[in-house]
Amino acid sequence: MENIQKPKVGAGILTVSIIQLVLMGFTIIGLIASFFIKDQIKAMGIPETPTSIVVISLIITIIVILGIVLILMKKELGIYMYFVAEVANIMYAIVSTGFKPTILISLILPALMAFFIWKKKEIFAVETKVKM
């Protein structure tokens, strides 16, 4: 049997993943901090964010992070998790705050990720061919 190794994840996927992991890390820190400093937020006159919005955003963020990690591990499940979570995040933003043109900015990184994954699709393909 030949030892066939899958090619490495490309620089584009790696770059977009690092950018998103950093942004999602800041998001998680901000969401968790909003639980603990509710009094200071109220004192500054900023309207309080309901706990349900914080929890839903935290869950979606964690799913996106898990999807990115699985993509970096070359697992096909990561692609599905990542894009389902991104679509859910955008839909939730539209439902909770209404459509704003700035929501379109959140499509940039997922579109880049889709392009780079498409360019390296052989990495994620599940091969079930049997030679006879």
N, C-alpha and C. Protein backbone atom coordinates (compact mmCIF):
# COMPACT_ATOMS: atom_id res chain seq x y z
N MET A 1 0.83 -1.18 0.00
CA MET A 1 0.00 0.00 0.00
C MET A 1 0.88 1.25 0.00
N GLU A 2 0.45 2.20 -0.74
CA GLU A 2 1.18 3.45 -0.80
C GLU A 2 0.72 4.37 0.32
N ASN A 3 1.65 5.12 0.82
CA ASN A 3 1.33 6.10 1.86
C ASN A 3 1.03 7.42 1.18
N ILE A 4 -0.26 7.70 0.98
CA ILE A 4 -0.67 8.92 0.31
C ILE A 4 -1.12 9.92 1.37
N GLN A 5 -0.46 11.07 1.38
CA GLN A 5 -0.81 12.10 2.34
C GLN A 5 -1.61 13.19 1.65
N LYS A 6 -2.59 13.72 2.38
CA LYS A 6 -3.37 14.83 1.85
C LYS A 6 -2.51 16.08 1.85
N PRO A 7 -2.72 16.95 0.86
CA PRO A 7 -1.95 18.20 0.85
C PRO A 7 -2.30 19.08 2.06
N LYS A 8 -1.42 20.01 2.33
CA LYS A 8 -1.61 20.90 3.48
C LYS A 8 -2.72 21.91 3.19
N VAL A 9 -3.28 22.44 4.29
CA VAL A 9 -4.26 23.51 4.17
C VAL A 9 -3.53 24.72 3.63
N GLY A 10 -4.14 25.43 2.70
CA GLY A 10 -3.49 26.55 2.04
C GLY A 10 -3.32 27.76 2.94
N ALA A 11 -2.50 28.68 2.49
CA ALA A 11 -2.23 29.90 3.26
C ALA A 11 -3.48 30.77 3.37
N GLY A 12 -4.34 30.74 2.37
CA GLY A 12 -5.56 31.54 2.41
C GLY A 12 -6.49 31.07 3.51
N ILE A 13 -6.71 29.75 3.60
CA ILE A 13 -7.56 29.19 4.65
C ILE A 13 -6.96 29.48 6.01
N LEU A 14 -5.66 29.32 6.13
CA LEU A 14 -4.99 29.57 7.40
C LEU A 14 -5.10 31.03 7.81
N THR A 15 -4.92 31.95 6.87
CA THR A 15 -5.00 33.38 7.18
C THR A 15 -6.40 33.79 7.61
N VAL A 16 -7.41 33.36 6.85
CA VAL A 16 -8.79 33.71 7.20
C VAL A 16 -9.15 33.08 8.54
N SER A 17 -8.68 31.87 8.79
CA SER A 17 -8.97 31.19 10.06
C SER A 17 -8.37 31.95 11.24
N ILE A 18 -7.14 32.39 11.09
CA ILE A 18 -6.49 33.12 12.18
C ILE A 18 -7.21 34.44 12.44
N ILE A 19 -7.57 35.15 11.38
CA ILE A 19 -8.30 36.41 11.55
C ILE A 19 -9.62 36.17 12.27
N GLN A 20 -10.35 35.15 11.83
CA GLN A 20 -11.64 34.87 12.46
C GLN A 20 -11.49 34.38 13.89
N LEU A 21 -10.48 33.57 14.17
CA LEU A 21 -10.28 33.10 15.55
C LEU A 21 -9.96 34.26 16.48
N VAL A 22 -9.17 35.22 16.01
CA VAL A 22 -8.86 36.39 16.83
C VAL A 22 -10.13 37.22 17.07
N LEU A 23 -10.90 37.46 16.02
CA LEU A 23 -12.14 38.22 16.17
C LEU A 23 -13.15 37.50 17.07
N MET A 24 -13.27 36.20 16.90
CA MET A 24 -14.19 35.43 17.74
C MET A 24 -13.71 35.37 19.19
N GLY A 25 -12.40 35.38 19.39
CA GLY A 25 -11.86 35.42 20.75
C GLY A 25 -12.25 36.72 21.45
N PHE A 26 -12.11 37.83 20.73
CA PHE A 26 -12.54 39.12 21.30
C PHE A 26 -14.04 39.14 21.55
N THR A 27 -14.80 38.51 20.66
CA THR A 27 -16.25 38.44 20.84
C THR A 27 -16.61 37.67 22.10
N ILE A 28 -15.97 36.53 22.30
CA ILE A 28 -16.24 35.74 23.50
C ILE A 28 -15.87 36.51 24.76
N ILE A 29 -14.72 37.17 24.74
CA ILE A 29 -14.30 37.97 25.90
C ILE A 29 -15.33 39.06 26.18
N GLY A 30 -15.80 39.73 25.14
CA GLY A 30 -16.79 40.79 25.32
C GLY A 30 -18.12 40.26 25.83
N LEU A 31 -18.56 39.12 25.30
CA LEU A 31 -19.83 38.55 25.73
C LEU A 31 -19.78 38.09 27.18
N ILE A 32 -18.69 37.44 27.55
CA ILE A 32 -18.55 36.98 28.93
C ILE A 32 -18.41 38.18 29.87
N ALA A 33 -17.67 39.19 29.45
CA ALA A 33 -17.51 40.38 30.28
C ALA A 33 -18.83 41.10 30.48
N SER A 34 -19.71 41.05 29.49
CA SER A 34 -21.00 41.73 29.63
C SER A 34 -21.86 41.10 30.72
N PHE A 35 -21.61 39.82 31.03
CA PHE A 35 -22.32 39.20 32.16
C PHE A 35 -21.88 39.79 33.49
N PHE A 36 -20.59 40.06 33.62
CA PHE A 36 -20.03 40.44 34.91
C PHE A 36 -20.05 41.94 35.19
N ILE A 37 -20.18 42.76 34.17
CA ILE A 37 -20.14 44.21 34.41
C ILE A 37 -21.45 44.89 34.04
N LYS A 38 -22.55 44.21 34.32
CA LYS A 38 -23.86 44.78 34.00
C LYS A 38 -24.10 46.10 34.73
N ASP A 39 -23.63 46.19 35.98
CA ASP A 39 -23.84 47.41 36.75
C ASP A 39 -23.09 48.59 36.14
N GLN A 40 -21.86 48.37 35.72
CA GLN A 40 -21.08 49.45 35.11
C GLN A 40 -21.69 49.87 33.77
N ILE A 41 -22.24 48.91 33.04
CA ILE A 41 -22.86 49.24 31.75
C ILE A 41 -24.10 50.10 31.98
N LYS A 42 -24.88 49.75 32.99
CA LYS A 42 -26.07 50.55 33.31
C LYS A 42 -25.66 51.94 33.78
N ALA A 43 -24.59 52.04 34.55
CA ALA A 43 -24.13 53.33 35.08
C ALA A 43 -23.67 54.27 33.96
N MET A 44 -23.15 53.71 32.87
CA MET A 44 -22.70 54.53 31.76
C MET A 44 -23.86 54.98 30.87
N GLY A 45 -25.04 54.45 31.11
CA GLY A 45 -26.20 54.85 30.33
C GLY A 45 -26.40 54.05 29.06
N ILE A 46 -25.65 52.98 28.90
CA ILE A 46 -25.79 52.12 27.72
C ILE A 46 -26.94 51.15 27.99
N PRO A 47 -27.85 50.98 27.03
CA PRO A 47 -28.95 50.05 27.26
C PRO A 47 -28.44 48.63 27.49
N GLU A 48 -29.08 47.93 28.41
CA GLU A 48 -28.66 46.58 28.76
C GLU A 48 -29.05 45.60 27.67
N THR A 49 -28.15 44.71 27.33
CA THR A 49 -28.41 43.66 26.35
C THR A 49 -29.06 42.49 27.07
N PRO A 50 -30.19 42.01 26.57
CA PRO A 50 -30.84 40.87 27.23
C PRO A 50 -29.92 39.64 27.27
N THR A 51 -30.07 38.86 28.32
CA THR A 51 -29.23 37.69 28.51
C THR A 51 -29.42 36.68 27.38
N SER A 52 -30.62 36.57 26.85
CA SER A 52 -30.87 35.60 25.78
C SER A 52 -30.04 35.93 24.54
N ILE A 53 -29.92 37.20 24.22
CA ILE A 53 -29.11 37.60 23.06
C ILE A 53 -27.65 37.26 23.28
N VAL A 54 -27.16 37.48 24.50
CA VAL A 54 -25.77 37.18 24.81
C VAL A 54 -25.52 35.67 24.72
N VAL A 55 -26.43 34.87 25.25
CA VAL A 55 -26.25 33.42 25.23
C VAL A 55 -26.30 32.87 23.81
N ILE A 56 -27.26 33.33 23.00
CA ILE A 56 -27.36 32.85 21.62
C ILE A 56 -26.11 33.26 20.84
N SER A 57 -25.65 34.47 21.02
CA SER A 57 -24.43 34.92 20.33
C SER A 57 -23.22 34.12 20.77
N LEU A 58 -23.15 33.78 22.05
CA LEU A 58 -22.04 32.98 22.57
C LEU A 58 -22.05 31.57 21.97
N ILE A 59 -23.22 30.97 21.87
CA ILE A 59 -23.33 29.62 21.29
C ILE A 59 -22.92 29.63 19.82
N ILE A 60 -23.41 30.61 19.07
CA ILE A 60 -23.06 30.69 17.65
C ILE A 60 -21.55 30.90 17.48
N THR A 61 -20.97 31.75 18.32
CA THR A 61 -19.53 32.01 18.25
C THR A 61 -18.72 30.75 18.54
N ILE A 62 -19.14 29.98 19.52
CA ILE A 62 -18.44 28.74 19.85
C ILE A 62 -18.55 27.73 18.71
N ILE A 63 -19.71 27.66 18.07
CA ILE A 63 -19.87 26.74 16.93
C ILE A 63 -18.98 27.17 15.76
N VAL A 64 -18.86 28.47 15.53
CA VAL A 64 -17.97 28.96 14.46
C VAL A 64 -16.52 28.58 14.78
N ILE A 65 -16.12 28.75 16.03
CA ILE A 65 -14.74 28.40 16.42
C ILE A 65 -14.50 26.91 16.23
N LEU A 66 -15.45 26.07 16.64
CA LEU A 66 -15.30 24.62 16.45
C LEU A 66 -15.22 24.27 14.96
N GLY A 67 -16.02 24.94 14.14
CA GLY A 67 -15.96 24.71 12.70
C GLY A 67 -14.61 25.07 12.12
N ILE A 68 -14.06 26.19 12.55
CA ILE A 68 -12.74 26.61 12.06
C ILE A 68 -11.67 25.61 12.48
N VAL A 69 -11.72 25.17 13.72
CA VAL A 69 -10.73 24.19 14.19
C VAL A 69 -10.83 22.90 13.38
N LEU A 70 -12.05 22.44 13.11
CA LEU A 70 -12.21 21.23 12.30
C LEU A 70 -11.75 21.44 10.87
N ILE A 71 -11.96 22.62 10.32
CA ILE A 71 -11.46 22.92 8.98
C ILE A 71 -9.94 22.83 8.97
N LEU A 72 -9.30 23.39 9.99
CA LEU A 72 -7.84 23.33 10.06
C LEU A 72 -7.34 21.90 10.26
N MET A 73 -8.20 21.03 10.81
CA MET A 73 -7.84 19.62 10.96
C MET A 73 -8.24 18.80 9.72
N LYS A 74 -8.70 19.49 8.67
CA LYS A 74 -9.06 18.90 7.38
C LYS A 74 -10.27 17.97 7.48
N LYS A 75 -11.22 18.32 8.32
CA LYS A 75 -12.44 17.53 8.47
C LYS A 75 -13.58 18.20 7.71
N GLU A 76 -14.31 17.41 6.95
CA GLU A 76 -15.41 17.93 6.15
C GLU A 76 -16.53 18.47 7.04
N LEU A 77 -16.73 17.89 8.20
CA LEU A 77 -17.76 18.35 9.14
C LEU A 77 -17.53 19.81 9.53
N GLY A 78 -16.29 20.24 9.60
CA GLY A 78 -15.97 21.62 9.95
C GLY A 78 -16.52 22.62 8.95
N ILE A 79 -16.51 22.24 7.68
CA ILE A 79 -17.05 23.13 6.65
C ILE A 79 -18.54 23.35 6.88
N TYR A 80 -19.25 22.26 7.14
CA TYR A 80 -20.69 22.37 7.36
C TYR A 80 -21.00 23.17 8.63
N MET A 81 -20.28 22.87 9.70
CA MET A 81 -20.51 23.60 10.96
C MET A 81 -20.24 25.09 10.78
N TYR A 82 -19.14 25.41 10.13
CA TYR A 82 -18.74 26.80 9.96
C TYR A 82 -19.79 27.58 9.17
N PHE A 83 -20.20 27.06 8.02
CA PHE A 83 -21.12 27.81 7.17
C PHE A 83 -22.54 27.85 7.73
N VAL A 84 -22.98 26.78 8.38
CA VAL A 84 -24.30 26.81 9.02
C VAL A 84 -24.30 27.84 10.14
N ALA A 85 -23.23 27.88 10.94
CA ALA A 85 -23.16 28.86 12.03
C ALA A 85 -23.07 30.28 11.49
N GLU A 86 -22.35 30.49 10.40
CA GLU A 86 -22.25 31.84 9.83
C GLU A 86 -23.61 32.30 9.28
N VAL A 87 -24.31 31.41 8.61
CA VAL A 87 -25.65 31.75 8.10
C VAL A 87 -26.59 32.03 9.27
N ALA A 88 -26.52 31.19 10.31
CA ALA A 88 -27.36 31.41 11.49
C ALA A 88 -27.03 32.74 12.15
N ASN A 89 -25.77 33.09 12.21
CA ASN A 89 -25.34 34.35 12.82
C ASN A 89 -25.89 35.54 12.03
N ILE A 90 -25.81 35.49 10.73
CA ILE A 90 -26.31 36.59 9.90
C ILE A 90 -27.83 36.67 9.98
N MET A 91 -28.51 35.52 9.92
CA MET A 91 -29.96 35.53 10.02
C MET A 91 -30.42 36.04 11.39
N TYR A 92 -29.72 35.64 12.45
CA TYR A 92 -30.07 36.10 13.78
C TYR A 92 -29.87 37.61 13.90
N ALA A 93 -28.81 38.12 13.30
CA ALA A 93 -28.58 39.56 13.33
C ALA A 93 -29.68 40.31 12.60
N ILE A 94 -30.12 39.77 11.47
CA ILE A 94 -31.20 40.41 10.71
C ILE A 94 -32.51 40.36 11.49
N VAL A 95 -32.80 39.23 12.11
CA VAL A 95 -34.05 39.10 12.85
C VAL A 95 -34.06 39.97 14.10
N SER A 96 -32.93 40.01 14.81
CA SER A 96 -32.92 40.73 16.08
C SER A 96 -32.79 42.25 15.93
N THR A 97 -32.07 42.71 14.92
CA THR A 97 -31.86 44.15 14.79
C THR A 97 -32.42 44.73 13.49
N GLY A 98 -32.90 43.88 12.61
CA GLY A 98 -33.36 44.35 11.32
C GLY A 98 -32.20 44.41 10.33
N PHE A 99 -32.54 44.49 9.05
CA PHE A 99 -31.48 44.51 8.03
C PHE A 99 -30.82 45.88 7.99
N LYS A 100 -29.52 45.85 8.05
CA LYS A 100 -28.70 47.05 7.89
C LYS A 100 -27.64 46.73 6.84
N PRO A 101 -27.28 47.70 6.02
CA PRO A 101 -26.24 47.42 5.01
C PRO A 101 -24.90 46.98 5.61
N THR A 102 -24.64 47.33 6.86
CA THR A 102 -23.37 46.92 7.48
C THR A 102 -23.31 45.42 7.73
N ILE A 103 -24.46 44.76 7.70
CA ILE A 103 -24.47 43.30 7.87
C ILE A 103 -23.75 42.64 6.70
N LEU A 104 -23.78 43.28 5.54
CA LEU A 104 -23.11 42.72 4.37
C LEU A 104 -21.60 42.62 4.57
N ILE A 105 -21.05 43.45 5.45
CA ILE A 105 -19.62 43.39 5.75
C ILE A 105 -19.27 42.05 6.39
N SER A 106 -20.20 41.49 7.16
CA SER A 106 -19.94 40.22 7.82
C SER A 106 -19.89 39.06 6.84
N LEU A 107 -20.18 39.30 5.57
CA LEU A 107 -20.09 38.25 4.55
C LEU A 107 -18.70 38.13 3.93
N ILE A 108 -17.82 39.09 4.20
CA ILE A 108 -16.51 39.12 3.55
C ILE A 108 -15.67 37.90 3.92
N LEU A 109 -15.47 37.65 5.22
CA LEU A 109 -14.61 36.54 5.64
C LEU A 109 -15.20 35.17 5.27
N PRO A 110 -16.52 34.94 5.46
CA PRO A 110 -17.05 33.65 5.00
C PRO A 110 -16.93 33.46 3.48
N ALA A 111 -17.08 34.53 2.70
CA ALA A 111 -16.93 34.42 1.25
C ALA A 111 -15.48 34.07 0.89
N LEU A 112 -14.54 34.70 1.56
CA LEU A 112 -13.13 34.37 1.32
C LEU A 112 -12.83 32.92 1.71
N MET A 113 -13.38 32.51 2.85
CA MET A 113 -13.17 31.13 3.31
C MET A 113 -13.77 30.15 2.29
N ALA A 114 -14.96 30.44 1.79
CA ALA A 114 -15.58 29.56 0.79
C ALA A 114 -14.71 29.48 -0.46
N PHE A 115 -14.18 30.60 -0.90
CA PHE A 115 -13.32 30.60 -2.09
C PHE A 115 -12.07 29.75 -1.87
N PHE A 116 -11.41 29.94 -0.72
CA PHE A 116 -10.17 29.20 -0.46
C PHE A 116 -10.44 27.71 -0.25
N ILE A 117 -11.56 27.37 0.37
CA ILE A 117 -11.91 25.96 0.54
C ILE A 117 -12.22 25.34 -0.83
N TRP A 118 -12.90 26.09 -1.68
CA TRP A 118 -13.21 25.58 -3.01
C TRP A 118 -11.92 25.33 -3.79
N LYS A 119 -10.92 26.21 -3.63
CA LYS A 119 -9.65 26.03 -4.32
C LYS A 119 -8.90 24.80 -3.82
N LYS A 120 -9.09 24.43 -2.55
CA LYS A 120 -8.41 23.27 -1.96
C LYS A 120 -9.40 22.14 -1.66
N LYS A 121 -10.41 21.98 -2.51
CA LYS A 121 -11.48 21.02 -2.23
C LYS A 121 -10.99 19.58 -2.16
N GLU A 122 -9.86 19.27 -2.78
CA GLU A 122 -9.35 17.90 -2.73
C GLU A 122 -8.92 17.50 -1.33
N ILE A 123 -8.62 18.45 -0.47
CA ILE A 123 -8.23 18.16 0.91
C ILE A 123 -9.42 17.59 1.68
N PHE A 124 -10.60 18.16 1.44
CA PHE A 124 -11.76 17.82 2.23
C PHE A 124 -12.63 16.74 1.60
N ALA A 125 -12.31 16.32 0.38
CA ALA A 125 -13.14 15.31 -0.31
C ALA A 125 -12.99 13.97 0.37
N VAL A 126 -14.11 13.33 0.55
CA VAL A 126 -14.12 11.99 1.12
C VAL A 126 -14.02 11.00 -0.03
N GLU A 127 -12.93 10.28 -0.07
CA GLU A 127 -12.70 9.36 -1.17
C GLU A 127 -13.13 7.96 -0.76
N THR A 128 -14.10 7.42 -1.48
CA THR A 128 -14.59 6.08 -1.20
C THR A 128 -14.44 5.20 -2.43
N LYS A 129 -13.49 5.50 -3.26
CA LYS A 129 -13.29 4.71 -4.47
C LYS A 129 -12.58 3.40 -4.12
N VAL A 130 -13.05 2.33 -4.74
CA VAL A 130 -12.46 1.03 -4.53
C VAL A 130 -11.86 0.56 -5.86
N LYS A 131 -10.59 0.21 -5.82
CA LYS A 131 -9.92 -0.27 -7.04
C LYS A 131 -10.07 -1.78 -7.12
N MET A 132 -10.42 -2.26 -8.31
CA MET A 132 -10.55 -3.70 -8.52
C MET A 132 -9.58 -4.17 -9.54
